[in-house]
Amino acid sequence: MGTSSQLDTEIAARLKRDANGLVAAIAQDHDTGEVLMLAWMDDEALRRTLATGRATYYSRSRGEYWVKGETSGNTQQVKSVALDCDGDALLLRVEQRGPACHTGTATCFTGRELPLGVQR
């Protein structure tokens, strides 16, 4: 991709964005396979991630880009990025350093299980 300021046209053509131009990005631990978090990316966030190897997301609430761990030190070094079959979600396999969740838990799902109505 080099120094291009735009996302590769082939990749951009495969993305199916929501009405706000965003695609769901799932971060998964590269070594354990554990799902760490869900965030959002637009074309620029994905371009930055692919160019730098640092997970860069778009904050819907703040309306700005953020690099995971830039302020907390809990970084995500990207090992691979895959686009799902429908083109509407990305899977980032990352090396997570520190907790993935801003609340300090290992993942954004740790300790947040919901009760199932059906017992199996």
N, C-alpha and C. Protein backbone atom coordinates (compact mmCIF):
# COMPACT_ATOMS: atom_id res chain seq x y z
N MET A 1 0.82 -1.19 0.00
CA MET A 1 0.00 0.00 0.00
C MET A 1 0.87 1.25 0.00
N GLY A 2 2.07 1.16 0.56
CA GLY A 2 3.01 2.27 0.50
C GLY A 2 2.53 3.50 1.24
N THR A 3 2.73 4.66 0.62
CA THR A 3 2.37 5.92 1.27
C THR A 3 1.03 6.45 0.79
N SER A 4 0.28 5.65 0.09
CA SER A 4 -1.02 6.09 -0.42
C SER A 4 -1.92 6.55 0.73
N SER A 5 -2.65 7.62 0.48
CA SER A 5 -3.55 8.13 1.51
C SER A 5 -4.95 7.54 1.37
N GLN A 6 -5.14 6.66 0.40
CA GLN A 6 -6.44 6.04 0.22
C GLN A 6 -6.31 4.53 0.34
N LEU A 7 -7.40 3.91 0.73
CA LEU A 7 -7.44 2.45 0.84
C LEU A 7 -7.34 1.86 -0.57
N ASP A 8 -6.61 0.78 -0.71
CA ASP A 8 -6.49 0.07 -1.97
C ASP A 8 -7.88 -0.11 -2.59
N THR A 9 -8.03 0.21 -3.86
CA THR A 9 -9.35 0.18 -4.51
C THR A 9 -9.98 -1.20 -4.52
N GLU A 10 -9.16 -2.25 -4.64
CA GLU A 10 -9.71 -3.61 -4.63
C GLU A 10 -10.32 -3.94 -3.26
N ILE A 11 -9.61 -3.56 -2.20
CA ILE A 11 -10.13 -3.79 -0.85
C ILE A 11 -11.37 -2.94 -0.62
N ALA A 12 -11.30 -1.67 -0.98
CA ALA A 12 -12.43 -0.76 -0.78
C ALA A 12 -13.68 -1.25 -1.50
N ALA A 13 -13.52 -1.83 -2.67
CA ALA A 13 -14.66 -2.32 -3.44
C ALA A 13 -15.33 -3.52 -2.76
N ARG A 14 -14.59 -4.27 -1.97
CA ARG A 14 -15.13 -5.46 -1.30
C ARG A 14 -15.86 -5.13 -0.01
N LEU A 15 -15.64 -3.94 0.55
CA LEU A 15 -16.26 -3.57 1.82
C LEU A 15 -17.72 -3.18 1.64
N LYS A 16 -18.56 -3.66 2.55
CA LYS A 16 -19.96 -3.24 2.61
C LYS A 16 -20.12 -2.47 3.90
N ARG A 17 -20.18 -1.16 3.78
CA ARG A 17 -20.23 -0.28 4.93
C ARG A 17 -21.67 0.00 5.34
N ASP A 18 -21.86 0.37 6.62
CA ASP A 18 -23.19 0.78 7.07
C ASP A 18 -23.47 2.20 6.58
N ALA A 19 -24.60 2.77 6.96
CA ALA A 19 -25.00 4.10 6.49
C ALA A 19 -24.00 5.18 6.89
N ASN A 20 -23.19 4.92 7.91
CA ASN A 20 -22.18 5.89 8.36
C ASN A 20 -20.80 5.62 7.77
N GLY A 21 -20.71 4.65 6.86
CA GLY A 21 -19.44 4.33 6.23
C GLY A 21 -18.54 3.44 7.06
N LEU A 22 -19.13 2.73 8.03
CA LEU A 22 -18.35 1.93 8.97
C LEU A 22 -18.54 0.43 8.75
N VAL A 23 -17.51 -0.32 9.16
CA VAL A 23 -17.52 -1.77 9.12
C VAL A 23 -17.13 -2.26 10.51
N ALA A 24 -17.82 -3.29 11.00
CA ALA A 24 -17.48 -3.88 12.30
C ALA A 24 -16.10 -4.53 12.21
N ALA A 25 -15.30 -4.33 13.27
CA ALA A 25 -13.96 -4.91 13.33
C ALA A 25 -13.84 -5.70 14.63
N ILE A 26 -13.66 -7.00 14.51
CA ILE A 26 -13.54 -7.89 15.66
C ILE A 26 -12.06 -8.15 15.90
N ALA A 27 -11.60 -7.90 17.11
CA ALA A 27 -10.22 -8.19 17.48
C ALA A 27 -10.17 -9.52 18.20
N GLN A 28 -9.30 -10.40 17.74
CA GLN A 28 -9.15 -11.74 18.28
C GLN A 28 -7.67 -11.95 18.65
N ASP A 29 -7.42 -12.57 19.79
CA ASP A 29 -6.05 -12.86 20.19
C ASP A 29 -5.42 -13.84 19.21
N HIS A 30 -4.29 -13.48 18.67
CA HIS A 30 -3.61 -14.28 17.66
C HIS A 30 -3.21 -15.66 18.19
N ASP A 31 -2.80 -15.72 19.45
CA ASP A 31 -2.31 -16.99 20.01
C ASP A 31 -3.41 -17.88 20.55
N THR A 32 -4.37 -17.30 21.28
CA THR A 32 -5.39 -18.11 21.96
C THR A 32 -6.69 -18.25 21.19
N GLY A 33 -6.95 -17.34 20.25
CA GLY A 33 -8.22 -17.35 19.53
C GLY A 33 -9.35 -16.66 20.28
N GLU A 34 -9.07 -16.17 21.48
CA GLU A 34 -10.10 -15.51 22.29
C GLU A 34 -10.55 -14.21 21.62
N VAL A 35 -11.87 -13.99 21.58
CA VAL A 35 -12.41 -12.75 21.05
C VAL A 35 -12.21 -11.67 22.10
N LEU A 36 -11.54 -10.58 21.72
CA LEU A 36 -11.18 -9.53 22.66
C LEU A 36 -12.17 -8.38 22.70
N MET A 37 -12.60 -7.92 21.53
CA MET A 37 -13.44 -6.73 21.49
C MET A 37 -14.03 -6.55 20.10
N LEU A 38 -15.00 -5.65 20.02
CA LEU A 38 -15.59 -5.22 18.76
C LEU A 38 -15.45 -3.70 18.70
N ALA A 39 -15.00 -3.21 17.57
CA ALA A 39 -14.90 -1.77 17.35
C ALA A 39 -15.32 -1.50 15.91
N TRP A 40 -15.12 -0.28 15.46
CA TRP A 40 -15.57 0.11 14.13
C TRP A 40 -14.43 0.73 13.35
N MET A 41 -14.45 0.49 12.04
CA MET A 41 -13.46 1.07 11.13
C MET A 41 -14.16 1.66 9.93
N ASP A 42 -13.61 2.76 9.44
CA ASP A 42 -13.98 3.24 8.12
C ASP A 42 -12.77 2.99 7.23
N ASP A 43 -12.83 3.45 5.99
CA ASP A 43 -11.73 3.19 5.06
C ASP A 43 -10.40 3.70 5.59
N GLU A 44 -10.40 4.89 6.18
CA GLU A 44 -9.15 5.47 6.66
C GLU A 44 -8.59 4.69 7.84
N ALA A 45 -9.43 4.27 8.77
CA ALA A 45 -8.96 3.47 9.90
C ALA A 45 -8.35 2.15 9.42
N LEU A 46 -8.99 1.53 8.44
CA LEU A 46 -8.45 0.28 7.90
C LEU A 46 -7.14 0.55 7.16
N ARG A 47 -7.07 1.62 6.40
CA ARG A 47 -5.84 1.96 5.69
C ARG A 47 -4.70 2.15 6.68
N ARG A 48 -4.96 2.89 7.76
CA ARG A 48 -3.93 3.14 8.78
C ARG A 48 -3.49 1.84 9.44
N THR A 49 -4.45 0.96 9.73
CA THR A 49 -4.15 -0.33 10.36
C THR A 49 -3.26 -1.17 9.46
N LEU A 50 -3.63 -1.27 8.19
CA LEU A 50 -2.85 -2.07 7.25
C LEU A 50 -1.46 -1.48 7.02
N ALA A 51 -1.36 -0.16 7.02
CA ALA A 51 -0.08 0.50 6.76
C ALA A 51 0.88 0.44 7.95
N THR A 52 0.33 0.48 9.18
CA THR A 52 1.19 0.58 10.36
C THR A 52 1.30 -0.70 11.17
N GLY A 53 0.32 -1.61 11.03
CA GLY A 53 0.30 -2.81 11.86
C GLY A 53 -0.19 -2.54 13.28
N ARG A 54 -0.67 -1.33 13.52
CA ARG A 54 -1.24 -0.95 14.82
C ARG A 54 -2.75 -0.81 14.64
N ALA A 55 -3.53 -1.47 15.48
CA ALA A 55 -4.99 -1.43 15.36
C ALA A 55 -5.50 0.00 15.54
N THR A 56 -6.10 0.52 14.49
CA THR A 56 -6.63 1.88 14.49
C THR A 56 -8.13 1.79 14.20
N TYR A 57 -8.92 2.38 15.07
CA TYR A 57 -10.37 2.30 14.97
C TYR A 57 -10.97 3.70 14.83
N TYR A 58 -12.27 3.72 14.53
CA TYR A 58 -13.01 4.98 14.46
C TYR A 58 -13.99 5.00 15.62
N SER A 59 -13.92 6.01 16.45
CA SER A 59 -14.83 6.15 17.58
C SER A 59 -16.11 6.83 17.13
N ARG A 60 -17.22 6.11 17.20
CA ARG A 60 -18.51 6.69 16.82
C ARG A 60 -18.92 7.79 17.79
N SER A 61 -18.63 7.62 19.08
CA SER A 61 -19.05 8.61 20.08
C SER A 61 -18.22 9.88 20.02
N ARG A 62 -16.92 9.75 19.77
CA ARG A 62 -16.05 10.93 19.72
C ARG A 62 -15.86 11.47 18.31
N GLY A 63 -16.21 10.67 17.31
CA GLY A 63 -16.05 11.11 15.92
C GLY A 63 -14.60 11.31 15.52
N GLU A 64 -13.71 10.40 16.02
CA GLU A 64 -12.29 10.52 15.70
C GLU A 64 -11.63 9.15 15.68
N TYR A 65 -10.43 9.11 15.13
CA TYR A 65 -9.66 7.87 15.07
C TYR A 65 -8.92 7.67 16.39
N TRP A 66 -8.72 6.42 16.74
CA TRP A 66 -7.93 6.10 17.92
C TRP A 66 -7.13 4.83 17.68
N VAL A 67 -5.88 4.88 18.10
CA VAL A 67 -4.99 3.73 18.01
C VAL A 67 -5.08 3.00 19.34
N LYS A 68 -5.42 1.73 19.29
CA LYS A 68 -5.58 0.94 20.52
C LYS A 68 -4.29 0.98 21.32
N GLY A 69 -4.41 1.44 22.57
CA GLY A 69 -3.28 1.49 23.48
C GLY A 69 -2.49 2.77 23.45
N GLU A 70 -2.86 3.71 22.60
CA GLU A 70 -2.11 4.95 22.49
C GLU A 70 -2.04 5.71 23.82
N THR A 71 -3.14 5.69 24.57
CA THR A 71 -3.13 6.37 25.87
C THR A 71 -2.98 5.38 27.03
N SER A 72 -3.53 4.18 26.89
CA SER A 72 -3.51 3.21 28.00
C SER A 72 -2.25 2.36 28.04
N GLY A 73 -1.60 2.21 26.89
CA GLY A 73 -0.46 1.30 26.81
C GLY A 73 -0.85 -0.13 26.51
N ASN A 74 -2.15 -0.41 26.45
CA ASN A 74 -2.66 -1.76 26.17
C ASN A 74 -2.84 -1.92 24.66
N THR A 75 -1.73 -2.17 23.99
CA THR A 75 -1.69 -2.11 22.54
C THR A 75 -2.15 -3.39 21.85
N GLN A 76 -2.48 -3.25 20.58
CA GLN A 76 -2.78 -4.38 19.71
C GLN A 76 -1.88 -4.29 18.48
N GLN A 77 -0.94 -5.24 18.39
CA GLN A 77 -0.10 -5.36 17.21
C GLN A 77 -0.81 -6.31 16.26
N VAL A 78 -1.14 -5.84 15.09
CA VAL A 78 -1.94 -6.62 14.14
C VAL A 78 -1.06 -7.64 13.43
N LYS A 79 -1.50 -8.90 13.49
CA LYS A 79 -0.80 -10.00 12.82
C LYS A 79 -1.44 -10.33 11.48
N SER A 80 -2.78 -10.17 11.37
CA SER A 80 -3.47 -10.38 10.11
C SER A 80 -4.83 -9.71 10.15
N VAL A 81 -5.36 -9.43 8.97
CA VAL A 81 -6.70 -8.86 8.83
C VAL A 81 -7.42 -9.66 7.75
N ALA A 82 -8.65 -10.08 8.04
CA ALA A 82 -9.45 -10.81 7.07
C ALA A 82 -10.82 -10.15 6.95
N LEU A 83 -11.36 -10.19 5.76
CA LEU A 83 -12.70 -9.67 5.47
C LEU A 83 -13.64 -10.86 5.40
N ASP A 84 -14.80 -10.77 6.05
CA ASP A 84 -15.71 -11.91 6.03
C ASP A 84 -16.35 -12.06 4.65
N CYS A 85 -17.08 -13.16 4.46
CA CYS A 85 -17.63 -13.52 3.15
C CYS A 85 -18.62 -12.49 2.61
N ASP A 86 -19.30 -11.75 3.49
CA ASP A 86 -20.26 -10.73 3.05
C ASP A 86 -19.62 -9.36 2.87
N GLY A 87 -18.40 -9.19 3.35
CA GLY A 87 -17.71 -7.92 3.22
C GLY A 87 -18.13 -6.87 4.24
N ASP A 88 -18.91 -7.30 5.26
CA ASP A 88 -19.40 -6.32 6.23
C ASP A 88 -18.78 -6.44 7.62
N ALA A 89 -17.73 -7.24 7.74
CA ALA A 89 -17.02 -7.36 9.02
C ALA A 89 -15.57 -7.72 8.76
N LEU A 90 -14.71 -7.23 9.64
CA LEU A 90 -13.28 -7.51 9.57
C LEU A 90 -12.88 -8.30 10.81
N LEU A 91 -11.93 -9.20 10.64
CA LEU A 91 -11.35 -9.94 11.76
C LEU A 91 -9.88 -9.58 11.85
N LEU A 92 -9.51 -8.94 12.95
CA LEU A 92 -8.11 -8.60 13.20
C LEU A 92 -7.56 -9.60 14.18
N ARG A 93 -6.53 -10.33 13.78
CA ARG A 93 -5.83 -11.22 14.71
C ARG A 93 -4.67 -10.41 15.23
N VAL A 94 -4.64 -10.23 16.56
CA VAL A 94 -3.71 -9.28 17.16
C VAL A 94 -2.91 -9.91 18.29
N GLU A 95 -1.76 -9.31 18.55
CA GLU A 95 -1.01 -9.59 19.76
C GLU A 95 -1.42 -8.52 20.75
N GLN A 96 -2.20 -8.91 21.74
CA GLN A 96 -2.72 -7.98 22.74
C GLN A 96 -1.72 -7.84 23.86
N ARG A 97 -1.40 -6.62 24.23
CA ARG A 97 -0.53 -6.34 25.38
C ARG A 97 -1.37 -5.62 26.42
N GLY A 98 -1.60 -6.28 27.55
CA GLY A 98 -2.45 -5.72 28.59
C GLY A 98 -3.91 -6.04 28.32
N PRO A 99 -4.82 -5.54 29.17
CA PRO A 99 -6.25 -5.79 28.99
C PRO A 99 -6.76 -5.17 27.69
N ALA A 100 -7.70 -5.84 27.04
CA ALA A 100 -8.27 -5.32 25.80
C ALA A 100 -9.37 -4.30 26.06
N CYS A 101 -10.06 -4.45 27.18
CA CYS A 101 -11.21 -3.58 27.46
C CYS A 101 -10.80 -2.33 28.22
N HIS A 102 -11.45 -1.23 27.91
CA HIS A 102 -11.16 0.03 28.60
C HIS A 102 -11.53 -0.01 30.08
N THR A 103 -12.33 -1.02 30.48
CA THR A 103 -12.70 -1.16 31.89
C THR A 103 -11.63 -1.89 32.68
N GLY A 104 -10.63 -2.42 31.98
CA GLY A 104 -9.55 -3.14 32.64
C GLY A 104 -9.68 -4.65 32.63
N THR A 105 -10.77 -5.17 32.07
CA THR A 105 -10.91 -6.63 31.96
C THR A 105 -10.14 -7.14 30.75
N ALA A 106 -9.81 -8.43 30.80
CA ALA A 106 -9.00 -9.04 29.74
C ALA A 106 -9.63 -8.87 28.36
N THR A 107 -10.96 -9.03 28.28
CA THR A 107 -11.70 -8.82 27.04
C THR A 107 -12.90 -7.94 27.34
N CYS A 108 -13.55 -7.46 26.32
CA CYS A 108 -14.76 -6.66 26.53
C CYS A 108 -15.96 -7.53 26.88
N PHE A 109 -15.75 -8.85 26.88
CA PHE A 109 -16.83 -9.79 27.20
C PHE A 109 -16.62 -10.50 28.53
N THR A 110 -15.44 -10.35 29.14
CA THR A 110 -15.11 -11.02 30.39
C THR A 110 -16.08 -10.60 31.50
N GLY A 111 -16.75 -11.61 32.12
CA GLY A 111 -17.64 -11.36 33.23
C GLY A 111 -18.97 -10.74 32.84
N ARG A 112 -19.31 -10.77 31.58
CA ARG A 112 -20.54 -10.13 31.10
C ARG A 112 -21.49 -11.14 30.42
N GLU A 113 -21.43 -12.40 30.85
CA GLU A 113 -22.28 -13.42 30.27
C GLU A 113 -23.74 -13.18 30.63
N LEU A 114 -24.60 -13.45 29.70
CA LEU A 114 -26.05 -13.33 29.92
C LEU A 114 -26.64 -14.71 30.17
N PRO A 115 -27.69 -14.80 31.00
CA PRO A 115 -28.29 -16.11 31.28
C PRO A 115 -29.06 -16.62 30.07
N LEU A 116 -28.91 -17.91 29.79
CA LEU A 116 -29.66 -18.55 28.72
C LEU A 116 -30.97 -19.07 29.28
N GLY A 117 -32.05 -18.87 28.55
CA GLY A 117 -33.36 -19.34 28.99
C GLY A 117 -33.52 -20.83 28.76
N VAL A 118 -32.74 -21.39 27.88
CA VAL A 118 -32.83 -22.80 27.54
C VAL A 118 -31.58 -23.49 28.06
N GLN A 119 -31.77 -24.54 28.85
CA GLN A 119 -30.63 -25.30 29.36
C GLN A 119 -30.28 -26.40 28.37
N ARG A 120 -29.05 -26.58 28.14
CA ARG A 120 -28.60 -27.62 27.19
C ARG A 120 -27.85 -28.70 27.92
